[in-house]
Amino acid sequence: MSTEAHTSTNTISVNDKLIELAMPVSLTQALHLAQQVQGRYVVVLNDTIVPRSEQQHVMVKPGDRLDVIAPMSGG
């Protein structure tokens, strides 16, 4: 019997771009792997805003949709 953790490769959507990740992976890890962590941003996971303080605790699942939104300046 193997003692290795079970991982599998699955697809998620990040800003409408499909990427494959080895699961399990946290939201924070997924953002880093998708190169979506520059500057200030808001993360929406399946239509729900995820506060930055919770992102490391949220696990991404196959088929999840992430939207990374940068704030805009101006008025």
Protein backbone atom coordinates (compact mmCIF):
# COMPACT_ATOMS: atom_id res chain seq x y z
CA MET A 1 0.00 0.00 0.00
CA SER A 2 1.38 3.39 -1.00
CA THR A 3 1.78 6.14 1.58
CA GLU A 4 2.01 8.91 -1.03
CA ALA A 5 -0.73 11.52 -1.12
CA HIS A 6 -3.12 11.05 -4.03
CA THR A 7 -2.86 13.78 -6.64
CA SER A 8 -4.51 14.15 -10.02
CA THR A 9 -4.37 16.72 -12.80
CA ASN A 10 -7.53 18.71 -13.37
CA THR A 11 -8.64 21.76 -15.30
CA ILE A 12 -9.87 25.05 -13.85
CA SER A 13 -10.70 28.34 -15.54
CA VAL A 14 -8.70 31.46 -14.63
CA ASN A 15 -9.98 34.64 -16.31
CA ASP A 16 -11.61 32.48 -19.01
CA LYS A 17 -8.33 30.64 -19.71
CA LEU A 18 -8.24 26.90 -19.00
CA ILE A 19 -5.25 25.69 -17.00
CA GLU A 20 -4.36 22.27 -15.65
CA LEU A 21 -3.20 21.89 -12.08
CA ALA A 22 -2.15 18.93 -9.97
CA MET A 23 -4.81 18.60 -7.28
CA PRO A 24 -5.19 19.18 -4.39
CA VAL A 25 -4.13 22.82 -4.50
CA SER A 26 -5.10 25.89 -2.49
CA LEU A 27 -6.49 29.03 -4.08
CA THR A 28 -3.26 30.86 -3.21
CA GLN A 29 -1.19 28.17 -4.95
CA ALA A 30 -3.47 28.18 -8.00
CA LEU A 31 -3.10 31.96 -8.33
CA HIS A 32 0.69 31.69 -8.18
CA LEU A 33 0.77 28.83 -10.70
CA ALA A 34 -1.50 30.79 -13.05
CA GLN A 35 0.76 33.85 -12.61
CA GLN A 36 -2.16 35.99 -11.40
CA VAL A 37 -0.71 37.61 -8.29
CA GLN A 38 0.69 40.94 -9.41
CA GLY A 39 -0.34 44.11 -7.61
CA ARG A 40 -3.75 44.60 -6.07
CA TYR A 41 -6.60 42.33 -7.08
CA VAL A 42 -9.87 40.75 -6.02
CA VAL A 43 -10.45 37.02 -6.48
CA VAL A 44 -13.88 35.70 -7.39
CA LEU A 45 -14.29 31.93 -7.10
CA ASN A 46 -17.47 30.60 -8.73
CA ASP A 47 -19.23 33.99 -8.34
CA THR A 48 -18.11 34.46 -4.70
CA ILE A 49 -15.46 36.98 -3.61
CA VAL A 50 -12.78 35.28 -1.53
CA PRO A 51 -11.03 37.61 0.95
CA ARG A 52 -7.24 37.53 0.73
CA SER A 53 -7.09 36.33 4.36
CA GLU A 54 -9.01 33.16 3.39
CA GLN A 55 -7.35 32.31 0.07
CA GLN A 56 -4.70 30.01 1.55
CA HIS A 57 -7.40 27.93 3.25
CA VAL A 58 -9.72 27.52 0.24
CA MET A 59 -9.05 24.44 -1.90
CA VAL A 60 -9.61 24.61 -5.66
CA LYS A 61 -11.69 21.83 -7.20
CA PRO A 62 -11.84 20.57 -10.81
CA GLY A 63 -14.13 22.77 -12.90
CA ASP A 64 -13.82 25.82 -10.61
CA ARG A 65 -13.91 29.24 -12.25
CA LEU A 66 -11.57 31.94 -10.96
CA ASP A 67 -11.79 35.57 -11.97
CA VAL A 68 -8.93 37.83 -10.91
CA ILE A 69 -10.01 41.46 -11.11
CA ALA A 70 -7.66 44.42 -10.78
CA PRO A 71 -9.10 47.71 -9.45
CA MET A 72 -9.32 50.59 -11.92
CA SER A 73 -8.36 54.18 -11.20
CA GLY A 74 -10.34 57.16 -12.27
CA GLY A 75 -13.80 58.45 -11.87
